Amino acid sequence: MSEPVMDIQVDNELDIRGVTCPITFVKSKLTLEKMESGQVLRVLIDYPPSAENVPRSLDMEGHEILSITETEGPLWTLLVKKA
């Protein structure tokens, strides 16, 4: 897990709590497609496999994973910068 990034401006947020793979990745990818290059998306994830798979898949698509942090719940907050 990486440390939270506090000084990052978030341009959009996607709440995919309650959603499972592979839909979590599909929704994340579709949201990023609507954003401008360089913008930051915050993704809220509560499905453990998605907390691993979504960042890995978005990284493979060329996007920059800024951070992924786990909080109570479990809940993961992913910050990703669109390529």
PDB file of N, CA and C in Angstrom:
ATOM      1  N   MET A   1       0.839  -1.182   0.000  1.00  0.00           N
ATOM      2  CA  MET A   1       0.000   0.000   0.000  1.00  0.00           C
ATOM      3  C   MET A   1       0.875   1.233   0.000  1.00  0.00           C
ATOM      4  N   SER A   2       0.466   2.208  -0.751  1.00  0.00           N
ATOM      5  CA  SER A   2       1.214   3.452  -0.747  1.00  0.00           C
ATOM      6  C   SER A   2       0.567   4.431   0.218  1.00  0.00           C
ATOM      7  N   GLU A   3       1.324   5.453   0.545  1.00  0.00           N
ATOM      8  CA  GLU A   3       0.821   6.484   1.451  1.00  0.00           C
ATOM      9  C   GLU A   3      -0.173   7.375   0.707  1.00  0.00           C
ATOM     10  N   PRO A   4      -1.140   7.958   1.415  1.00  0.00           N
ATOM     11  CA  PRO A   4      -2.075   8.863   0.756  1.00  0.00           C
ATOM     12  C   PRO A   4      -1.356  10.076   0.190  1.00  0.00           C
ATOM     13  N   VAL A   5      -1.827  10.524  -0.944  1.00  0.00           N
ATOM     14  CA  VAL A   5      -1.267  11.700  -1.583  1.00  0.00           C
ATOM     15  C   VAL A   5      -2.205  12.861  -1.276  1.00  0.00           C
ATOM     16  N   MET A   6      -1.729  13.818  -0.473  1.00  0.00           N
ATOM     17  CA  MET A   6      -2.606  14.875   0.020  1.00  0.00           C
ATOM     18  C   MET A   6      -2.721  16.075  -0.921  1.00  0.00           C
ATOM     19  N   ASP A   7      -1.689  16.387  -1.700  1.00  0.00           N
ATOM     20  CA  ASP A   7      -1.674  17.606  -2.487  1.00  0.00           C
ATOM     21  C   ASP A   7      -2.113  17.386  -3.935  1.00  0.00           C
ATOM     22  N   ILE A   8      -2.913  16.383  -4.173  1.00  0.00           N
ATOM     23  CA  ILE A   8      -3.360  16.078  -5.531  1.00  0.00           C
ATOM     24  C   ILE A   8      -4.785  16.601  -5.717  1.00  0.00           C
ATOM     25  N   GLN A   9      -4.998  17.355  -6.787  1.00  0.00           N
ATOM     26  CA  GLN A   9      -6.348  17.814  -7.125  1.00  0.00           C
ATOM     27  C   GLN A   9      -7.072  16.672  -7.832  1.00  0.00           C
ATOM     28  N   VAL A  10      -8.221  16.288  -7.297  1.00  0.00           N
ATOM     29  CA  VAL A  10      -9.028  15.225  -7.884  1.00  0.00           C
ATOM     30  C   VAL A  10     -10.061  15.874  -8.799  1.00  0.00           C
ATOM     31  N   ASP A  11     -10.124  15.397 -10.041  1.00  0.00           N
ATOM     32  CA  ASP A  11     -11.025  15.972 -11.036  1.00  0.00           C
ATOM     33  C   ASP A  11     -12.350  15.226 -11.143  1.00  0.00           C
ATOM     34  N   ASN A  12     -12.364  13.968 -10.748  1.00  0.00           N
ATOM     35  CA  ASN A  12     -13.583  13.164 -10.858  1.00  0.00           C
ATOM     36  C   ASN A  12     -13.507  12.047  -9.835  1.00  0.00           C
ATOM     37  N   GLU A  13     -14.665  11.548  -9.414  1.00  0.00           N
ATOM     38  CA  GLU A  13     -14.700  10.442  -8.460  1.00  0.00           C
ATOM     39  C   GLU A  13     -15.662   9.372  -8.965  1.00  0.00           C
ATOM     40  N   LEU A  14     -15.249   8.130  -8.783  1.00  0.00           N
ATOM     41  CA  LEU A  14     -16.065   6.985  -9.166  1.00  0.00           C
ATOM     42  C   LEU A  14     -16.218   6.089  -7.948  1.00  0.00           C
ATOM     43  N   ASP A  15     -17.454   5.884  -7.517  1.00  0.00           N
ATOM     44  CA  ASP A  15     -17.747   5.031  -6.376  1.00  0.00           C
ATOM     45  C   ASP A  15     -18.234   3.688  -6.905  1.00  0.00           C
ATOM     46  N   ILE A  16     -17.351   2.673  -6.832  1.00  0.00           N
ATOM     47  CA  ILE A  16     -17.736   1.343  -7.318  1.00  0.00           C
ATOM     48  C   ILE A  16     -17.854   0.357  -6.161  1.00  0.00           C
ATOM     49  N   ARG A  17     -18.168   0.888  -4.983  1.00  0.00           N
ATOM     50  CA  ARG A  17     -18.438  -0.011  -3.853  1.00  0.00           C
ATOM     51  C   ARG A  17     -19.659  -0.846  -4.187  1.00  0.00           C
ATOM     52  N   GLY A  18     -19.587  -2.127  -3.856  1.00  0.00           N
ATOM     53  CA  GLY A  18     -20.684  -3.038  -4.141  1.00  0.00           C
ATOM     54  C   GLY A  18     -20.618  -3.665  -5.523  1.00  0.00           C
ATOM     55  N   VAL A  19     -19.605  -3.307  -6.304  1.00  0.00           N
ATOM     56  CA  VAL A  19     -19.438  -3.829  -7.662  1.00  0.00           C
ATOM     57  C   VAL A  19     -18.248  -4.783  -7.665  1.00  0.00           C
ATOM     58  N   THR A  20     -18.340  -5.866  -8.444  1.00  0.00           N
ATOM     59  CA  THR A  20     -17.277  -6.862  -8.490  1.00  0.00           C
ATOM     60  C   THR A  20     -16.593  -6.870  -9.860  1.00  0.00           C
ATOM     61  N   CYS A  21     -15.455  -7.556  -9.923  1.00  0.00           N
ATOM     62  CA  CYS A  21     -14.702  -7.722 -11.167  1.00  0.00           C
ATOM     63  C   CYS A  21     -15.542  -8.534 -12.151  1.00  0.00           C
ATOM     64  N   PRO A  22     -15.426  -8.299 -13.427  1.00  0.00           N
ATOM     65  CA  PRO A  22     -14.577  -7.329 -14.117  1.00  0.00           C
ATOM     66  C   PRO A  22     -15.257  -5.973 -14.312  1.00  0.00           C
ATOM     67  N   ILE A  23     -16.474  -5.818 -13.798  1.00  0.00           N
ATOM     68  CA  ILE A  23     -17.211  -4.569 -14.003  1.00  0.00           C
ATOM     69  C   ILE A  23     -16.489  -3.383 -13.362  1.00  0.00           C
ATOM     70  N   THR A  24     -15.772  -3.618 -12.256  1.00  0.00           N
ATOM     71  CA  THR A  24     -15.043  -2.522 -11.606  1.00  0.00           C
ATOM     72  C   THR A  24     -14.027  -1.902 -12.570  1.00  0.00           C
ATOM     73  N   PHE A  25     -13.302  -2.734 -13.289  1.00  0.00           N
ATOM     74  CA  PHE A  25     -12.326  -2.227 -14.256  1.00  0.00           C
ATOM     75  C   PHE A  25     -13.023  -1.526 -15.409  1.00  0.00           C
ATOM     76  N   VAL A  26     -14.099  -2.125 -15.918  1.00  0.00           N
ATOM     77  CA  VAL A  26     -14.821  -1.547 -17.056  1.00  0.00           C
ATOM     78  C   VAL A  26     -15.341  -0.155 -16.697  1.00  0.00           C
ATOM     79  N   LYS A  27     -15.946  -0.014 -15.530  1.00  0.00           N
ATOM     80  CA  LYS A  27     -16.467   1.291 -15.117  1.00  0.00           C
ATOM     81  C   LYS A  27     -15.340   2.308 -14.943  1.00  0.00           C
ATOM     82  N   SER A  28     -14.217   1.874 -14.379  1.00  0.00           N
ATOM     83  CA  SER A  28     -13.073   2.764 -14.207  1.00  0.00           C
ATOM     84  C   SER A  28     -12.546   3.219 -15.560  1.00  0.00           C
ATOM     85  N   LYS A  29     -12.392   2.291 -16.476  1.00  0.00           N
ATOM     86  CA  LYS A  29     -11.871   2.609 -17.809  1.00  0.00           C
ATOM     87  C   LYS A  29     -12.807   3.557 -18.553  1.00  0.00           C
ATOM     88  N   LEU A  30     -14.110   3.312 -18.494  1.00  0.00           N
ATOM     89  CA  LEU A  30     -15.077   4.171 -19.176  1.00  0.00           C
ATOM     90  C   LEU A  30     -15.073   5.582 -18.593  1.00  0.00           C
ATOM     91  N   THR A  31     -14.929   5.697 -17.285  1.00  0.00           N
ATOM     92  CA  THR A  31     -14.876   7.013 -16.652  1.00  0.00           C
ATOM     93  C   THR A  31     -13.632   7.764 -17.100  1.00  0.00           C
ATOM     94  N   LEU A  32     -12.487   7.079 -17.128  1.00  0.00           N
ATOM     95  CA  LEU A  32     -11.247   7.714 -17.571  1.00  0.00           C
ATOM     96  C   LEU A  32     -11.331   8.157 -19.030  1.00  0.00           C
ATOM     97  N   GLU A  33     -12.032   7.396 -19.862  1.00  0.00           N
ATOM     98  CA  GLU A  33     -12.151   7.752 -21.279  1.00  0.00           C
ATOM     99  C   GLU A  33     -12.840   9.094 -21.468  1.00  0.00           C
ATOM    100  N   LYS A  34     -13.694   9.477 -20.528  1.00  0.00           N
ATOM    101  CA  LYS A  34     -14.428  10.745 -20.619  1.00  0.00           C
ATOM    102  C   LYS A  34     -13.628  11.919 -20.063  1.00  0.00           C
ATOM    103  N   MET A  35     -12.471  11.633 -19.471  1.00  0.00           N
ATOM    104  CA  MET A  35     -11.659  12.661 -18.837  1.00  0.00           C
ATOM    105  C   MET A  35     -10.533  13.113 -19.767  1.00  0.00           C
ATOM    106  N   GLU A  36      -9.946  14.271 -19.446  1.00  0.00           N
ATOM    107  CA  GLU A  36      -8.824  14.812 -20.205  1.00  0.00           C
ATOM    108  C   GLU A  36      -7.515  14.198 -19.714  1.00  0.00           C
ATOM    109  N   SER A  37      -6.546  14.114 -20.598  1.00  0.00           N
ATOM    110  CA  SER A  37      -5.221  13.631 -20.225  1.00  0.00           C
ATOM    111  C   SER A  37      -4.661  14.495 -19.093  1.00  0.00           C
ATOM    112  N   GLY A  38      -4.098  13.841 -18.073  1.00  0.00           N
ATOM    113  CA  GLY A  38      -3.528  14.547 -16.934  1.00  0.00           C
ATOM    114  C   GLY A  38      -4.488  14.745 -15.777  1.00  0.00           C
ATOM    115  N   GLN A  39      -5.781  14.525 -15.996  1.00  0.00           N
ATOM    116  CA  GLN A  39      -6.743  14.657 -14.905  1.00  0.00           C
ATOM    117  C   GLN A  39      -6.650  13.450 -13.976  1.00  0.00           C
ATOM    118  N   VAL A  40      -7.097  13.652 -12.736  1.00  0.00           N
ATOM    119  CA  VAL A  40      -6.996  12.619 -11.713  1.00  0.00           C
ATOM    120  C   VAL A  40      -8.386  12.110 -11.342  1.00  0.00           C
ATOM    121  N   LEU A  41      -8.498  10.795 -11.297  1.00  0.00           N
ATOM    122  CA  LEU A  41      -9.730  10.111 -10.905  1.00  0.00           C
ATOM    123  C   LEU A  41      -9.523   9.443  -9.557  1.00  0.00           C
ATOM    124  N   ARG A  42     -10.470   9.652  -8.636  1.00  0.00           N
ATOM    125  CA  ARG A  42     -10.484   8.929  -7.362  1.00  0.00           C
ATOM    126  C   ARG A  42     -11.517   7.808  -7.503  1.00  0.00           C
ATOM    127  N   VAL A  43     -11.093   6.577  -7.218  1.00  0.00           N
ATOM    128  CA  VAL A  43     -11.964   5.416  -7.316  1.00  0.00           C
ATOM    129  C   VAL A  43     -12.095   4.811  -5.920  1.00  0.00           C
ATOM    130  N   LEU A  44     -13.335   4.618  -5.471  1.00  0.00           N
ATOM    131  CA  LEU A  44     -13.608   3.978  -4.186  1.00  0.00           C
ATOM    132  C   LEU A  44     -13.990   2.523  -4.436  1.00  0.00           C
ATOM    133  N   ILE A  45     -13.241   1.617  -3.821  1.00  0.00           N
ATOM    134  CA  ILE A  45     -13.375   0.169  -4.069  1.00  0.00           C
ATOM    135  C   ILE A  45     -13.560  -0.551  -2.735  1.00  0.00           C
ATOM    136  N   ASP A  46     -14.504  -1.500  -2.691  1.00  0.00           N
ATOM    137  CA  ASP A  46     -14.656  -2.300  -1.469  1.00  0.00           C
ATOM    138  C   ASP A  46     -14.559  -3.803  -1.726  1.00  0.00           C
ATOM    139  N   TYR A  47     -14.215  -4.179  -2.932  1.00  0.00           N
ATOM    140  CA  TYR A  47     -14.085  -5.590  -3.306  1.00  0.00           C
ATOM    141  C   TYR A  47     -12.596  -5.915  -3.386  1.00  0.00           C
ATOM    142  N   PRO A  48     -12.070  -6.733  -2.452  1.00  0.00           N
ATOM    143  CA  PRO A  48     -10.618  -6.968  -2.381  1.00  0.00           C
ATOM    144  C   PRO A  48      -9.939  -7.341  -3.699  1.00  0.00           C
ATOM    145  N   PRO A  49     -10.489  -8.264  -4.515  1.00  0.00           N
ATOM    146  CA  PRO A  49      -9.808  -8.550  -5.779  1.00  0.00           C
ATOM    147  C   PRO A  49      -9.699  -7.322  -6.693  1.00  0.00           C
ATOM    148  N   SER A  50     -10.694  -6.454  -6.653  1.00  0.00           N
ATOM    149  CA  SER A  50     -10.654  -5.242  -7.475  1.00  0.00           C
ATOM    150  C   SER A  50      -9.586  -4.275  -6.995  1.00  0.00           C
ATOM    151  N   ALA A  51      -9.305  -4.278  -5.694  1.00  0.00           N
ATOM    152  CA  ALA A  51      -8.268  -3.402  -5.158  1.00  0.00           C
ATOM    153  C   ALA A  51      -6.896  -3.756  -5.734  1.00  0.00           C
ATOM    154  N   GLU A  52      -6.730  -5.005  -6.153  1.00  0.00           N
ATOM    155  CA  GLU A  52      -5.500  -5.430  -6.828  1.00  0.00           C
ATOM    156  C   GLU A  52      -5.609  -5.300  -8.338  1.00  0.00           C
ATOM    157  N   ASN A  53      -6.749  -5.750  -8.886  1.00  0.00           N
ATOM    158  CA  ASN A  53      -6.889  -5.851 -10.334  1.00  0.00           C
ATOM    159  C   ASN A  53      -7.086  -4.519 -11.040  1.00  0.00           C
ATOM    160  N   VAL A  54      -7.874  -3.613 -10.457  1.00  0.00           N
ATOM    161  CA  VAL A  54      -8.149  -2.346 -11.131  1.00  0.00           C
ATOM    162  C   VAL A  54      -6.860  -1.524 -11.298  1.00  0.00           C
ATOM    163  N   PRO A  55      -6.076  -1.301 -10.230  1.00  0.00           N
ATOM    164  CA  PRO A  55      -4.835  -0.531 -10.439  1.00  0.00           C
ATOM    165  C   PRO A  55      -3.885  -1.192 -11.439  1.00  0.00           C
ATOM    166  N   ARG A  56      -3.757  -2.509 -11.345  1.00  0.00           N
ATOM    167  CA  ARG A  56      -2.855  -3.217 -12.261  1.00  0.00           C
ATOM    168  C   ARG A  56      -3.329  -3.058 -13.706  1.00  0.00           C
ATOM    169  N   SER A  57      -4.615  -3.218 -13.936  1.00  0.00           N
ATOM    170  CA  SER A  57      -5.152  -3.112 -15.298  1.00  0.00           C
ATOM    171  C   SER A  57      -5.052  -1.692 -15.837  1.00  0.00           C
ATOM    172  N   LEU A  58      -5.334  -0.690 -14.983  1.00  0.00           N
ATOM    173  CA  LEU A  58      -5.219   0.696 -15.442  1.00  0.00           C
ATOM    174  C   LEU A  58      -3.772   1.053 -15.739  1.00  0.00           C
ATOM    175  N   ASP A  59      -2.848   0.539 -14.936  1.00  0.00           N
ATOM    176  CA  ASP A  59      -1.422   0.744 -15.192  1.00  0.00           C
ATOM    177  C   ASP A  59      -1.031   0.142 -16.542  1.00  0.00           C
ATOM    178  N   MET A  60      -1.540  -1.038 -16.829  1.00  0.00           N
ATOM    179  CA  MET A  60      -1.248  -1.698 -18.107  1.00  0.00           C
ATOM    180  C   MET A  60      -1.823  -0.907 -19.282  1.00  0.00           C
ATOM    181  N   GLU A  61      -2.885  -0.129 -19.027  1.00  0.00           N
ATOM    182  CA  GLU A  61      -3.482   0.719 -20.060  1.00  0.00           C
ATOM    183  C   GLU A  61      -2.674   2.001 -20.263  1.00  0.00           C
ATOM    184  N   GLY A  62      -1.663   2.231 -19.393  1.00  0.00           N
ATOM    185  CA  GLY A  62      -0.809   3.389 -19.547  1.00  0.00           C
ATOM    186  C   GLY A  62      -1.090   4.542 -18.594  1.00  0.00           C
ATOM    187  N   HIS A  63      -2.083   4.375 -17.714  1.00  0.00           N
ATOM    188  CA  HIS A  63      -2.408   5.424 -16.751  1.00  0.00           C
ATOM    189  C   HIS A  63      -1.443   5.340 -15.567  1.00  0.00           C
ATOM    190  N   GLU A  64      -1.282   6.456 -14.856  1.00  0.00           N
ATOM    191  CA  GLU A  64      -0.358   6.502 -13.725  1.00  0.00           C
ATOM    192  C   GLU A  64      -1.111   6.304 -12.415  1.00  0.00           C
ATOM    193  N   ILE A  65      -0.737   5.281 -11.670  1.00  0.00           N
ATOM    194  CA  ILE A  65      -1.332   5.035 -10.359  1.00  0.00           C
ATOM    195  C   ILE A  65      -0.591   5.917  -9.361  1.00  0.00           C
ATOM    196  N   LEU A  66      -1.292   6.897  -8.813  1.00  0.00           N
ATOM    197  CA  LEU A  66      -0.680   7.832  -7.869  1.00  0.00           C
ATOM    198  C   LEU A  66      -0.646   7.260  -6.459  1.00  0.00           C
ATOM    199  N   SER A  67      -1.719   6.583  -6.068  1.00  0.00           N
ATOM    200  CA  SER A  67      -1.750   5.950  -4.750  1.00  0.00           C
ATOM    201  C   SER A  67      -2.930   5.003  -4.655  1.00  0.00           C
ATOM    202  N   ILE A  68      -2.798   4.047  -3.756  1.00  0.00           N
ATOM    203  CA  ILE A  68      -3.925   3.212  -3.351  1.00  0.00           C
ATOM    204  C   ILE A  68      -3.790   3.020  -1.850  1.00  0.00           C
ATOM    205  N   THR A  69      -4.823   3.429  -1.133  1.00  0.00           N
ATOM    206  CA  THR A  69      -4.792   3.345   0.321  1.00  0.00           C
ATOM    207  C   THR A  69      -6.001   2.578   0.820  1.00  0.00           C
ATOM    208  N   GLU A  70      -5.785   1.787   1.861  1.00  0.00           N
ATOM    209  CA  GLU A  70      -6.857   1.018   2.468  1.00  0.00           C
ATOM    210  C   GLU A  70      -7.272   1.686   3.762  1.00  0.00           C
ATOM    211  N   THR A  71      -8.576   1.799   3.958  1.00  0.00           N
ATOM    212  CA  THR A  71      -9.124   2.324   5.195  1.00  0.00           C
ATOM    213  C   THR A  71     -10.101   1.307   5.769  1.00  0.00           C
ATOM    214  N   GLU A  72     -10.812   1.697   6.792  1.00  0.00           N
ATOM    215  CA  GLU A  72     -11.763   0.780   7.422  1.00  0.00           C
ATOM    216  C   GLU A  72     -12.809   0.307   6.433  1.00  0.00           C
ATOM    217  N   GLY A  73     -13.288  -0.874   6.673  1.00  0.00           N
ATOM    218  CA  GLY A  73     -14.432  -1.293   5.871  1.00  0.00           C
ATOM    219  C   GLY A  73     -14.430  -2.722   5.389  1.00  0.00           C
ATOM    220  N   PRO A  74     -13.545  -3.233   4.617  1.00  0.00           N
ATOM    221  CA  PRO A  74     -12.402  -2.571   3.980  1.00  0.00           C
ATOM    222  C   PRO A  74     -12.857  -1.659   2.847  1.00  0.00           C
ATOM    223  N   LEU A  75     -12.116  -0.600   2.672  1.00  0.00           N
ATOM    224  CA  LEU A  75     -12.352   0.347   1.592  1.00  0.00           C
ATOM    225  C   LEU A  75     -10.998   0.810   1.084  1.00  0.00           C
ATOM    226  N   TRP A  76     -10.835   0.778  -0.224  1.00  0.00           N
ATOM    227  CA  TRP A  76      -9.615   1.260  -0.854  1.00  0.00           C
ATOM    228  C   TRP A  76      -9.939   2.517  -1.646  1.00  0.00           C
ATOM    229  N   THR A  77      -9.031   3.475  -1.575  1.00  0.00           N
ATOM    230  CA  THR A  77      -9.137   4.689  -2.369  1.00  0.00           C
ATOM    231  C   THR A  77      -7.960   4.698  -3.335  1.00  0.00           C
ATOM    232  N   LEU A  78      -8.303   4.675  -4.607  1.00  0.00           N
ATOM    233  CA  LEU A  78      -7.315   4.654  -5.682  1.00  0.00           C
ATOM    234  C   LEU A  78      -7.294   6.025  -6.340  1.00  0.00           C
ATOM    235  N   LEU A  79      -6.116   6.586  -6.504  1.00  0.00           N
ATOM    236  CA  LEU A  79      -5.952   7.824  -7.280  1.00  0.00           C
ATOM    237  C   LEU A  79      -5.174   7.471  -8.540  1.00  0.00           C
ATOM    238  N   VAL A  80      -5.758   7.785  -9.686  1.00  0.00           N
ATOM    239  CA  VAL A  80      -5.141   7.446 -10.965  1.00  0.00           C
ATOM    240  C   VAL A  80      -5.150   8.661 -11.872  1.00  0.00           C
ATOM    241  N   LYS A  81      -4.028   8.906 -12.509  1.00  0.00           N
ATOM    242  CA  LYS A  81      -3.880  10.040 -13.435  1.00  0.00           C
ATOM    243  C   LYS A  81      -4.014   9.516 -14.856  1.00  0.00           C
ATOM    244  N   LYS A  82      -4.933  10.118 -15.597  1.00  0.00           N
ATOM    245  CA  LYS A  82      -5.168   9.663 -16.961  1.00  0.00           C
ATOM    246  C   LYS A  82      -3.967   9.953 -17.851  1.00  0.00           C
ATOM    247  N   ALA A  83      -3.617   8.952 -18.661  1.00  0.00           N
ATOM    248  CA  ALA A  83      -2.495   9.091 -19.600  1.00  0.00           C
ATOM    249  C   ALA A  83      -2.810  10.101 -20.680  1.00  0.00           C
TER     250      ALA A  83
END
